[in-house]
């Protein structure tokens, strides 16, 4: 028996938009250099020639900057407004960037190494980006592929606890010297291997902090998360590893600091989540999903190691679970599609990832339907607008409070910021 119920919410949004600083872990990587370059190019109003004509800087791919929302119907039909105009939000052009990287290259040289942007645009951005240099980062070799060691010439020394303290000092220094009002930290560095969740090590905030003091097994991404949370800065994980071990979630909840993740949903997986939702929603029983990728950027190089690939495989595979569980007519309790994910490193294709997918579904009366898709995903150009949406929406949520008739005291969102996690492959949600 089902009984309808309703809850009336009242939302309150602070209208004062702050000056936002974003610190990227992996600032000198493909995503870090591309998002920084994109914001600079838009801010400066740059254009450049390509073989197909003149291009102008834009924010295509950003939900906030390049999509609209239907407000309702007026005398002349539906009324649409830009998403960004619904509430007072930070504009990407006003974001101030800083960050860390295990590579010492300045942002101009790192941009050239990434081979993402057209050279005429890089030439215009060069004098602006060569002044930007990443701060030394945390490097623990066992968490990423051995082939990353050649990049690691800009690393922090000292104990694990000392490194966390240095990250905290870096955040404070950036905030003071840049004049920003808020700082959000975002991990866009290499995919790490998964960490074991061990009672007494990382299962509570106190145990995690003790583990850091004792120099036990804690991943760099979790160390950055702890430093950010202790500084009161929201932390977003853009990679698939389990950065947010229970102790990190506990710490964020205690400190009432937002955390969000995991793994940007940008190319192949974004299409997969939409297509499987369509197939299952149309009453077709998807039985097999096979996804093959090859790419040649540093992400692909790092993912060529088995442990790092396993982290990515988990996040890419779990994206369809909710859709399958939502249709008990098609799928029993233990029933789900076969799902295979393959990623290969092919240096020549660079940042232009190739993704091939085959979806096979059972249809009426024993028939089958197969859909095959080839998708060329320019990895960093797809991820960069998502980075911007994540940090802008996270900052907006820091200004939103709500109450209900039953509980009239205004409160903020849960520290695990699930409301914006739809932009991620493996959305992090509060327990329960």
Protein backbone atom coordinates (compact mmCIF):
# COMPACT_ATOMS: atom_id res chain seq x y z
CA UNK A 1 0.00 0.00 0.00
CA UNK A 2 1.33 3.42 -0.99
CA UNK A 3 0.33 6.65 0.70
CA UNK A 4 1.20 10.02 -0.84
CA UNK A 5 3.01 12.50 1.36
CA UNK A 6 4.57 15.89 0.75
CA UNK A 7 7.17 18.05 2.47
CA UNK A 8 7.30 21.79 1.95
CA UNK A 9 10.83 23.20 1.80
CA UNK A 10 11.89 26.82 2.07
CA UNK A 11 15.25 27.62 0.48
CA UNK A 12 17.39 30.65 1.24
CA UNK A 13 20.36 31.66 -0.93
CA UNK A 14 23.00 34.22 -0.04
CA UNK A 15 23.15 36.66 -2.95
CA UNK A 16 26.68 37.96 -2.35
CA UNK A 17 28.90 36.15 -4.88
CA UNK A 18 32.42 35.71 -3.47
CA UNK A 19 35.75 35.89 -5.27
CA UNK A 20 36.52 32.23 -5.76
CA UNK A 21 39.93 30.59 -5.76
CA UNK A 22 40.36 27.05 -7.08
CA UNK A 23 43.42 24.98 -6.25
CA UNK A 24 43.96 22.02 -8.55
CA UNK A 25 45.94 18.95 -7.52
CA UNK A 26 47.59 18.04 -10.81
CA UNK A 27 47.55 21.64 -12.06
CA UNK A 28 50.24 20.87 -14.64
CA UNK A 29 48.36 17.94 -16.16
CA UNK A 30 46.14 17.93 -19.23
CA UNK A 31 42.96 18.87 -17.37
CA UNK A 32 44.65 21.47 -15.18
CA UNK A 33 46.35 23.29 -18.03
CA UNK A 34 43.30 23.08 -20.29
CA UNK A 35 40.79 24.48 -17.79
CA UNK A 36 43.20 27.28 -16.82
CA UNK A 37 43.83 28.11 -20.48
CA UNK A 38 40.11 28.04 -21.28
CA UNK A 39 39.27 30.51 -18.53
CA UNK A 40 42.12 32.81 -19.58
CA UNK A 41 41.09 32.64 -23.24
CA UNK A 42 37.48 33.49 -22.39
CA UNK A 43 38.49 36.27 -20.02
CA UNK A 44 40.76 37.80 -22.66
CA UNK A 45 38.23 37.26 -25.48
CA UNK A 46 40.75 35.38 -27.61
CA UNK A 47 40.20 33.96 -31.07
CA UNK A 48 42.56 31.96 -33.29
CA UNK A 49 42.77 30.46 -36.75
CA UNK A 50 42.45 26.75 -37.47
CA UNK A 51 42.33 24.85 -40.75
CA UNK A 52 38.52 25.09 -40.64
CA UNK A 53 38.37 28.81 -39.88
CA UNK A 54 38.48 31.21 -36.95
CA UNK A 55 37.45 29.92 -33.53
CA UNK A 56 36.45 31.98 -30.50
CA UNK A 57 36.85 31.06 -26.85
CA UNK A 58 33.66 29.62 -25.34
CA UNK A 59 32.36 27.43 -22.55
CA UNK A 60 30.61 24.76 -24.63
CA UNK A 61 30.10 21.62 -22.56
CA UNK A 62 29.31 23.53 -19.37
CA UNK A 63 25.78 23.01 -18.05
CA UNK A 64 25.87 26.37 -16.32
CA UNK A 65 27.35 28.45 -19.14
CA UNK A 66 25.97 26.76 -22.26
CA UNK A 67 22.57 25.28 -21.40
CA UNK A 68 19.12 26.66 -20.64
CA UNK A 69 16.27 25.85 -18.26
CA UNK A 70 12.55 26.08 -19.02
CA UNK A 71 10.95 28.42 -16.47
CA UNK A 72 7.44 27.74 -17.66
CA UNK A 73 5.01 28.64 -20.41
CA UNK A 74 4.10 32.19 -21.39
CA UNK A 75 1.74 33.73 -23.95
CA UNK A 76 4.15 32.93 -26.79
CA UNK A 77 5.20 29.48 -25.63
CA UNK A 78 7.90 28.02 -23.38
CA UNK A 79 10.26 30.49 -21.70
CA UNK A 80 13.91 29.47 -21.44
CA UNK A 81 16.66 31.21 -19.48
CA UNK A 82 20.38 30.46 -19.18
CA UNK A 83 21.09 28.02 -16.35
CA UNK A 84 23.66 30.46 -14.93
CA UNK A 85 20.96 33.12 -14.42
CA UNK A 86 18.75 31.08 -12.10
CA UNK A 87 20.73 32.13 -9.02
CA UNK A 88 23.71 34.41 -8.32
CA UNK A 89 26.75 32.31 -9.25
CA UNK A 90 30.47 32.79 -9.74
CA UNK A 91 31.37 33.41 -13.38
CA UNK A 92 34.21 31.20 -14.66
CA UNK A 93 36.11 34.26 -15.91
CA UNK A 94 36.42 35.44 -12.30
CA UNK A 95 37.95 32.24 -10.91
CA UNK A 96 41.56 32.49 -9.71
CA UNK A 97 43.63 29.32 -10.16
CA UNK A 98 46.56 27.87 -8.25
CA UNK A 99 47.62 24.35 -7.39
CA UNK A 100 50.16 21.61 -7.03
CA UNK A 101 51.88 19.15 -9.36
CA UNK A 102 54.65 16.58 -9.10
CA UNK A 103 56.08 18.06 -12.34
CA UNK A 104 57.92 21.38 -12.12
CA UNK A 105 56.97 22.63 -15.60
CA UNK A 106 55.29 26.02 -15.65
CA UNK A 107 51.74 26.06 -17.02
CA UNK A 108 52.79 27.25 -20.50
CA UNK A 109 55.29 24.42 -20.93
CA UNK A 110 52.81 21.95 -19.44
CA UNK A 111 50.15 23.18 -21.88
CA UNK A 112 52.52 22.50 -24.77
CA UNK A 113 53.33 19.05 -23.39
CA UNK A 114 49.60 18.24 -23.16
CA UNK A 115 49.05 18.84 -26.91
CA UNK A 116 45.37 19.66 -26.38
CA UNK A 117 44.98 23.23 -27.67
CA UNK A 118 45.71 24.63 -31.13
CA UNK A 119 49.17 26.19 -31.37
CA UNK A 120 47.97 29.70 -32.41
CA UNK A 121 45.94 29.79 -29.19
CA UNK A 122 48.86 28.50 -27.12
CA UNK A 123 51.06 31.29 -28.51
CA UNK A 124 48.59 33.92 -27.31
CA UNK A 125 48.29 32.30 -23.87
CA UNK A 126 52.01 31.64 -23.40
CA UNK A 127 53.02 34.96 -21.76
CA UNK A 128 50.16 34.62 -19.28
CA UNK A 129 50.68 30.97 -18.39
CA UNK A 130 54.46 30.86 -18.20
CA UNK A 131 54.19 32.95 -15.01
CA UNK A 132 52.15 30.19 -13.36
CA UNK A 133 54.12 27.46 -11.62
CA UNK A 134 52.67 24.58 -9.61
CA UNK A 135 53.56 24.21 -5.96
CA UNK A 136 55.41 21.01 -4.92
CA UNK A 137 52.99 18.12 -4.46
CA UNK A 138 52.74 14.92 -2.44
CA UNK A 139 54.27 11.93 -4.22
CA UNK A 140 53.96 8.39 -2.86
CA UNK A 141 55.12 6.13 -5.73
CA UNK A 142 53.14 3.01 -4.85
CA UNK A 143 49.79 4.73 -5.38
CA UNK A 144 50.32 5.56 -9.07
CA UNK A 145 52.01 3.82 -11.99
CA UNK A 146 55.79 3.47 -11.94
CA UNK A 147 55.93 5.23 -15.33
CA UNK A 148 55.06 8.52 -13.60
CA UNK A 149 58.39 8.69 -11.77
CA UNK A 150 60.06 10.58 -14.63
CA UNK A 151 57.69 13.50 -14.04
CA UNK A 152 58.23 13.65 -10.29
CA UNK A 153 60.76 16.49 -9.92
CA UNK A 154 58.58 18.81 -7.80
CA UNK A 155 57.69 16.85 -4.69
CA UNK A 156 57.31 17.60 -1.00
CA UNK A 157 59.77 16.16 1.49
CA UNK A 158 59.29 15.27 5.13
CA UNK A 159 56.87 13.07 7.01
CA UNK A 160 53.28 12.53 5.99
CA UNK A 161 52.07 14.86 8.75
CA UNK A 162 54.57 17.53 7.66
CA UNK A 163 53.34 17.28 4.07
CA UNK A 164 49.72 17.76 5.18
CA UNK A 165 50.78 20.83 7.17
CA UNK A 166 52.56 22.21 4.09
CA UNK A 167 49.42 21.76 1.98
CA UNK A 168 47.48 23.65 4.63
CA UNK A 169 50.05 26.45 4.55
CA UNK A 170 49.81 26.54 0.75
CA UNK A 171 46.03 26.98 0.94
CA UNK A 172 46.36 29.80 3.46
CA UNK A 173 49.12 31.45 1.43
CA UNK A 174 47.06 31.34 -1.77
CA UNK A 175 44.04 32.79 -0.03
CA UNK A 176 46.07 35.63 1.49
CA UNK A 177 48.15 36.54 -1.57
CA UNK A 178 45.38 36.24 -4.17
CA UNK A 179 42.71 38.07 -2.20
CA UNK A 180 40.05 35.41 -2.81
CA UNK A 181 37.20 34.97 -0.35
CA UNK A 182 36.88 31.20 -0.67
CA UNK A 183 39.08 28.32 -1.80
CA UNK A 184 37.89 25.02 -3.27
CA UNK A 185 40.41 22.20 -3.80
CA UNK A 186 39.89 19.74 -6.66
CA UNK A 187 41.85 16.57 -7.43
CA UNK A 188 42.51 16.23 -11.16
CA UNK A 189 45.79 14.35 -10.78
CA UNK A 190 46.58 10.73 -11.63
CA UNK A 191 44.24 7.87 -10.83
CA UNK A 192 45.48 6.04 -7.76
CA UNK A 193 45.04 2.41 -6.77
CA UNK A 194 42.24 1.66 -4.33
CA UNK A 195 42.98 1.77 -0.59
CA UNK A 196 41.87 -0.94 1.79
CA UNK A 197 39.47 0.28 4.45
CA UNK A 198 41.02 -1.02 7.66
CA UNK A 199 39.49 -0.69 11.15
CA UNK A 200 41.84 1.34 13.31
CA UNK A 201 43.54 2.90 10.26
CA UNK A 202 41.06 4.94 8.21
CA UNK A 203 37.60 4.01 9.48
CA UNK A 204 37.10 7.11 11.66
CA UNK A 205 38.36 10.68 11.60
CA UNK A 206 40.48 10.17 14.72
CA UNK A 207 42.04 6.97 13.38
CA UNK A 208 42.79 8.60 10.03
CA UNK A 209 44.50 11.57 11.67
CA UNK A 210 46.51 9.20 13.88
CA UNK A 211 47.50 7.17 10.82
CA UNK A 212 48.82 10.34 9.17
CA UNK A 213 50.80 11.24 12.29
CA UNK A 214 52.33 7.75 12.33
CA UNK A 215 53.03 7.70 8.58
CA UNK A 216 50.85 4.68 7.85
CA UNK A 217 49.18 3.87 4.51
CA UNK A 218 47.20 6.92 3.42
CA UNK A 219 46.92 7.93 -0.25
CA UNK A 220 48.01 11.37 -1.51
CA UNK A 221 44.45 12.19 -2.58
CA UNK A 222 43.21 11.47 0.94
CA UNK A 223 46.03 13.56 2.43
CA UNK A 224 44.94 16.48 0.25
CA UNK A 225 41.34 15.89 1.32
CA UNK A 226 42.30 15.96 5.00
CA UNK A 227 44.35 19.15 4.56
CA UNK A 228 41.48 20.83 2.70
CA UNK A 229 38.87 19.79 5.25
CA UNK A 230 41.02 21.01 8.15
CA UNK A 231 41.29 24.37 6.37
CA UNK A 232 37.51 24.50 5.89
CA UNK A 233 37.79 24.18 2.10
CA UNK A 234 35.45 22.03 0.02
CA UNK A 235 37.23 19.14 -1.69
CA UNK A 236 36.21 17.50 -4.98
CA UNK A 237 37.67 14.20 -6.20
CA UNK A 238 37.80 14.02 -9.99
CA UNK A 239 39.42 10.58 -10.18
CA UNK A 240 37.98 7.11 -9.52
CA UNK A 241 39.98 5.93 -6.50
CA UNK A 242 38.35 5.72 -3.05
CA UNK A 243 39.79 8.98 -1.73
CA UNK A 244 36.91 9.37 0.68
CA UNK A 245 37.60 6.50 3.03
CA UNK A 246 35.17 6.45 6.00
CA UNK A 247 37.59 8.47 8.12
CA UNK A 248 37.70 11.27 5.56
CA UNK A 249 33.89 11.35 5.33
CA UNK A 250 33.71 11.39 9.13
CA UNK A 251 36.16 14.30 9.30
CA UNK A 252 34.23 16.30 6.69
CA UNK A 253 30.96 15.67 8.53
CA UNK A 254 32.45 16.75 11.86
CA UNK A 255 33.87 19.93 10.33
CA UNK A 256 30.79 20.60 8.17
CA UNK A 257 32.90 20.87 5.03
CA UNK A 258 31.62 19.77 1.62
CA UNK A 259 33.19 16.83 -0.18
CA UNK A 260 32.14 15.62 -3.63
CA UNK A 261 33.12 12.88 -6.08
CA UNK A 262 34.08 10.58 -7.63
CA UNK A 263 35.53 10.71 -11.17
CA UNK A 264 34.42 13.25 -13.80
CA UNK A 265 31.63 11.93 -16.05
CA UNK A 266 32.59 13.46 -19.38
CA UNK A 267 32.72 11.34 -22.54
CA UNK A 268 31.95 7.66 -22.98
CA UNK A 269 30.43 7.25 -19.52
CA UNK A 270 28.14 10.25 -19.90
CA UNK A 271 26.73 8.69 -23.07
CA UNK A 272 26.48 5.30 -21.39
CA UNK A 273 24.45 6.62 -18.46
CA UNK A 274 21.99 8.29 -20.84
CA UNK A 275 21.74 5.38 -23.27
CA UNK A 276 21.23 2.66 -20.66
CA UNK A 277 18.61 4.83 -18.95
CA UNK A 278 16.85 5.09 -22.32
CA UNK A 279 17.06 1.35 -23.05
CA UNK A 280 15.86 0.20 -19.64
CA UNK A 281 13.23 2.95 -19.56
CA UNK A 282 11.97 1.75 -22.94
CA UNK A 283 11.47 -1.75 -21.52
CA UNK A 284 14.46 -3.33 -23.27
CA UNK A 285 16.50 -5.71 -21.12
CA UNK A 286 20.12 -4.77 -21.66
CA UNK A 287 22.17 -7.94 -21.16
CA UNK A 288 25.65 -7.01 -22.31
CA UNK A 289 27.68 -3.80 -22.31
CA UNK A 290 31.21 -3.91 -23.70
CA UNK A 291 33.26 -0.71 -23.61
CA UNK A 292 36.66 -0.40 -25.25
CA UNK A 293 38.86 2.71 -25.00
CA UNK A 294 42.28 3.71 -26.23
CA UNK A 295 43.99 7.01 -25.49
CA UNK A 296 47.50 8.42 -25.48
CA UNK A 297 47.62 11.15 -22.85
CA UNK A 298 49.27 10.83 -19.43
CA UNK A 299 46.03 9.55 -17.94
CA UNK A 300 46.18 6.65 -20.38
CA UNK A 301 49.83 6.07 -19.56
CA UNK A 302 49.07 5.90 -15.84
CA UNK A 303 46.05 3.64 -16.44
CA UNK A 304 48.24 1.15 -18.30
CA UNK A 305 49.26 -0.14 -14.86
CA UNK A 306 46.84 -2.85 -13.60
CA UNK A 307 46.07 -1.39 -10.15
CA UNK A 308 45.26 2.05 -11.49
CA UNK A 309 43.16 0.56 -14.30
CA UNK A 310 41.16 -1.38 -11.72
CA UNK A 311 40.11 1.89 -10.03
CA UNK A 312 38.87 3.26 -13.35
CA UNK A 313 37.18 -0.02 -14.30
CA UNK A 314 35.11 0.04 -11.12
CA UNK A 315 33.87 3.61 -11.60
CA UNK A 316 33.05 3.09 -15.29
CA UNK A 317 31.23 -0.19 -14.59
CA UNK A 318 29.08 0.98 -11.68
CA UNK A 319 27.47 3.81 -13.64
CA UNK A 320 24.54 1.62 -14.80
CA UNK A 321 23.72 -0.02 -11.46
CA UNK A 322 21.00 2.42 -10.37
CA UNK A 323 19.17 2.18 -13.70
CA UNK A 324 19.12 -1.62 -13.55
CA UNK A 325 17.92 -1.67 -9.93
CA UNK A 326 15.12 0.78 -10.83
CA UNK A 327 13.35 -1.80 -13.03
CA UNK A 328 12.48 -5.00 -11.12
CA UNK A 329 10.24 -6.06 -14.02
CA UNK A 330 13.31 -6.63 -16.18
CA UNK A 331 15.93 -7.48 -13.56
CA UNK A 332 15.74 -9.75 -10.53
CA UNK A 333 17.68 -9.10 -7.30
CA UNK A 334 20.90 -10.72 -8.56
CA UNK A 335 20.35 -9.98 -12.24
CA UNK A 336 22.42 -7.38 -14.06
CA UNK A 337 24.08 -6.95 -17.47
CA UNK A 338 27.47 -8.40 -18.27
CA UNK A 339 29.73 -5.35 -18.27
CA UNK A 340 33.28 -5.35 -19.61
CA UNK A 341 35.59 -2.30 -19.73
CA UNK A 342 38.92 -2.24 -21.59
CA UNK A 343 41.39 0.67 -21.65
CA UNK A 344 44.57 0.64 -23.75
CA UNK A 345 47.41 3.15 -23.98
CA UNK A 346 48.18 4.28 -27.55
CA UNK A 347 50.51 7.32 -27.43
CA UNK A 348 49.84 8.53 -30.97
CA UNK A 349 46.17 9.46 -30.37
CA UNK A 350 47.10 11.74 -27.45
CA UNK A 351 44.18 13.42 -25.67
CA UNK A 352 41.71 12.35 -28.38
CA UNK A 353 40.35 9.19 -26.79
CA UNK A 354 38.56 6.60 -28.93
CA UNK A 355 35.66 4.84 -27.28
CA UNK A 356 33.77 1.92 -28.80
CA UNK A 357 30.65 0.52 -27.13
CA UNK A 358 28.36 -2.41 -27.87
CA UNK A 359 24.98 -2.64 -26.12
CA UNK A 360 23.02 -5.88 -26.57
CA UNK A 361 19.46 -6.07 -25.23
CA UNK A 362 16.77 -8.72 -25.16
CA UNK A 363 13.56 -7.61 -26.86
CA UNK A 364 10.09 -9.09 -27.37
CA UNK A 365 9.61 -12.82 -27.98
CA UNK A 366 13.27 -13.85 -27.73
CA UNK A 367 14.69 -11.27 -30.10
CA UNK A 368 17.83 -9.21 -29.56
CA UNK A 369 18.82 -5.65 -30.37
CA UNK A 370 22.44 -4.51 -30.65
CA UNK A 371 23.67 -0.92 -30.77
CA UNK A 372 27.31 -0.16 -31.59
CA UNK A 373 28.74 3.33 -31.10
CA UNK A 374 32.11 4.88 -31.92
CA UNK A 375 32.85 8.00 -29.89
CA UNK A 376 35.91 10.24 -30.27
CA UNK A 377 36.24 12.03 -26.93
CA UNK A 378 38.68 14.92 -26.61
CA UNK A 379 39.32 14.09 -23.01
CA UNK A 380 40.47 17.34 -21.42
CA UNK A 381 38.17 19.58 -23.47
CA UNK A 382 35.22 17.52 -22.20
CA UNK A 383 36.43 17.39 -18.58
CA UNK A 384 37.32 21.08 -18.22
CA UNK A 385 33.76 22.49 -18.35
CA UNK A 386 32.70 19.83 -15.85
CA UNK A 387 35.46 21.01 -13.50
CA UNK A 388 34.06 24.53 -13.76
CA UNK A 389 30.48 23.37 -13.14
CA UNK A 390 31.55 21.34 -10.11
CA UNK A 391 33.42 24.16 -8.38
CA UNK A 392 30.76 26.78 -9.19
CA UNK A 393 27.87 24.60 -8.00
CA UNK A 394 29.80 23.59 -4.88
CA UNK A 395 30.39 27.24 -4.04
CA UNK A 396 26.71 28.01 -4.68
CA UNK A 397 25.67 25.23 -2.31
CA UNK A 398 27.77 26.84 0.42
CA UNK A 399 25.36 29.80 0.25
CA UNK A 400 22.15 27.75 0.24
CA UNK A 401 20.23 26.80 3.39
CA UNK A 402 16.78 25.27 3.78
CA UNK A 403 14.13 24.41 6.33
CA UNK A 404 10.83 22.53 6.47
CA UNK A 405 7.56 23.12 8.30
CA UNK A 406 8.45 20.30 10.68
CA UNK A 407 11.96 21.67 11.28
CA UNK A 408 11.87 25.48 10.86
CA UNK A 409 15.55 26.01 11.66
CA UNK A 410 17.59 26.72 8.50
CA UNK A 411 20.38 24.24 7.78
CA UNK A 412 22.88 23.54 5.04
CA UNK A 413 23.26 20.49 2.83
CA UNK A 414 24.94 17.32 4.09
CA UNK A 415 28.73 17.43 3.95
CA UNK A 416 28.65 14.68 1.31
CA UNK A 417 27.37 16.94 -1.44
CA UNK A 418 25.33 14.47 -3.45
CA UNK A 419 23.32 17.21 -5.15
CA UNK A 420 26.17 17.95 -7.58
CA UNK A 421 27.57 14.41 -7.76
CA UNK A 422 25.52 13.66 -10.89
CA UNK A 423 28.50 15.19 -12.73
CA UNK A 424 30.60 12.21 -11.60
CA UNK A 425 30.78 8.59 -12.75
CA UNK A 426 30.53 7.16 -9.23
CA UNK A 427 28.43 9.67 -7.26
CA UNK A 428 29.37 9.93 -3.60
CA UNK A 429 26.25 9.98 -1.42
CA UNK A 430 25.67 10.04 2.35
CA UNK A 431 25.51 6.65 4.02
CA UNK A 432 21.96 5.34 4.20
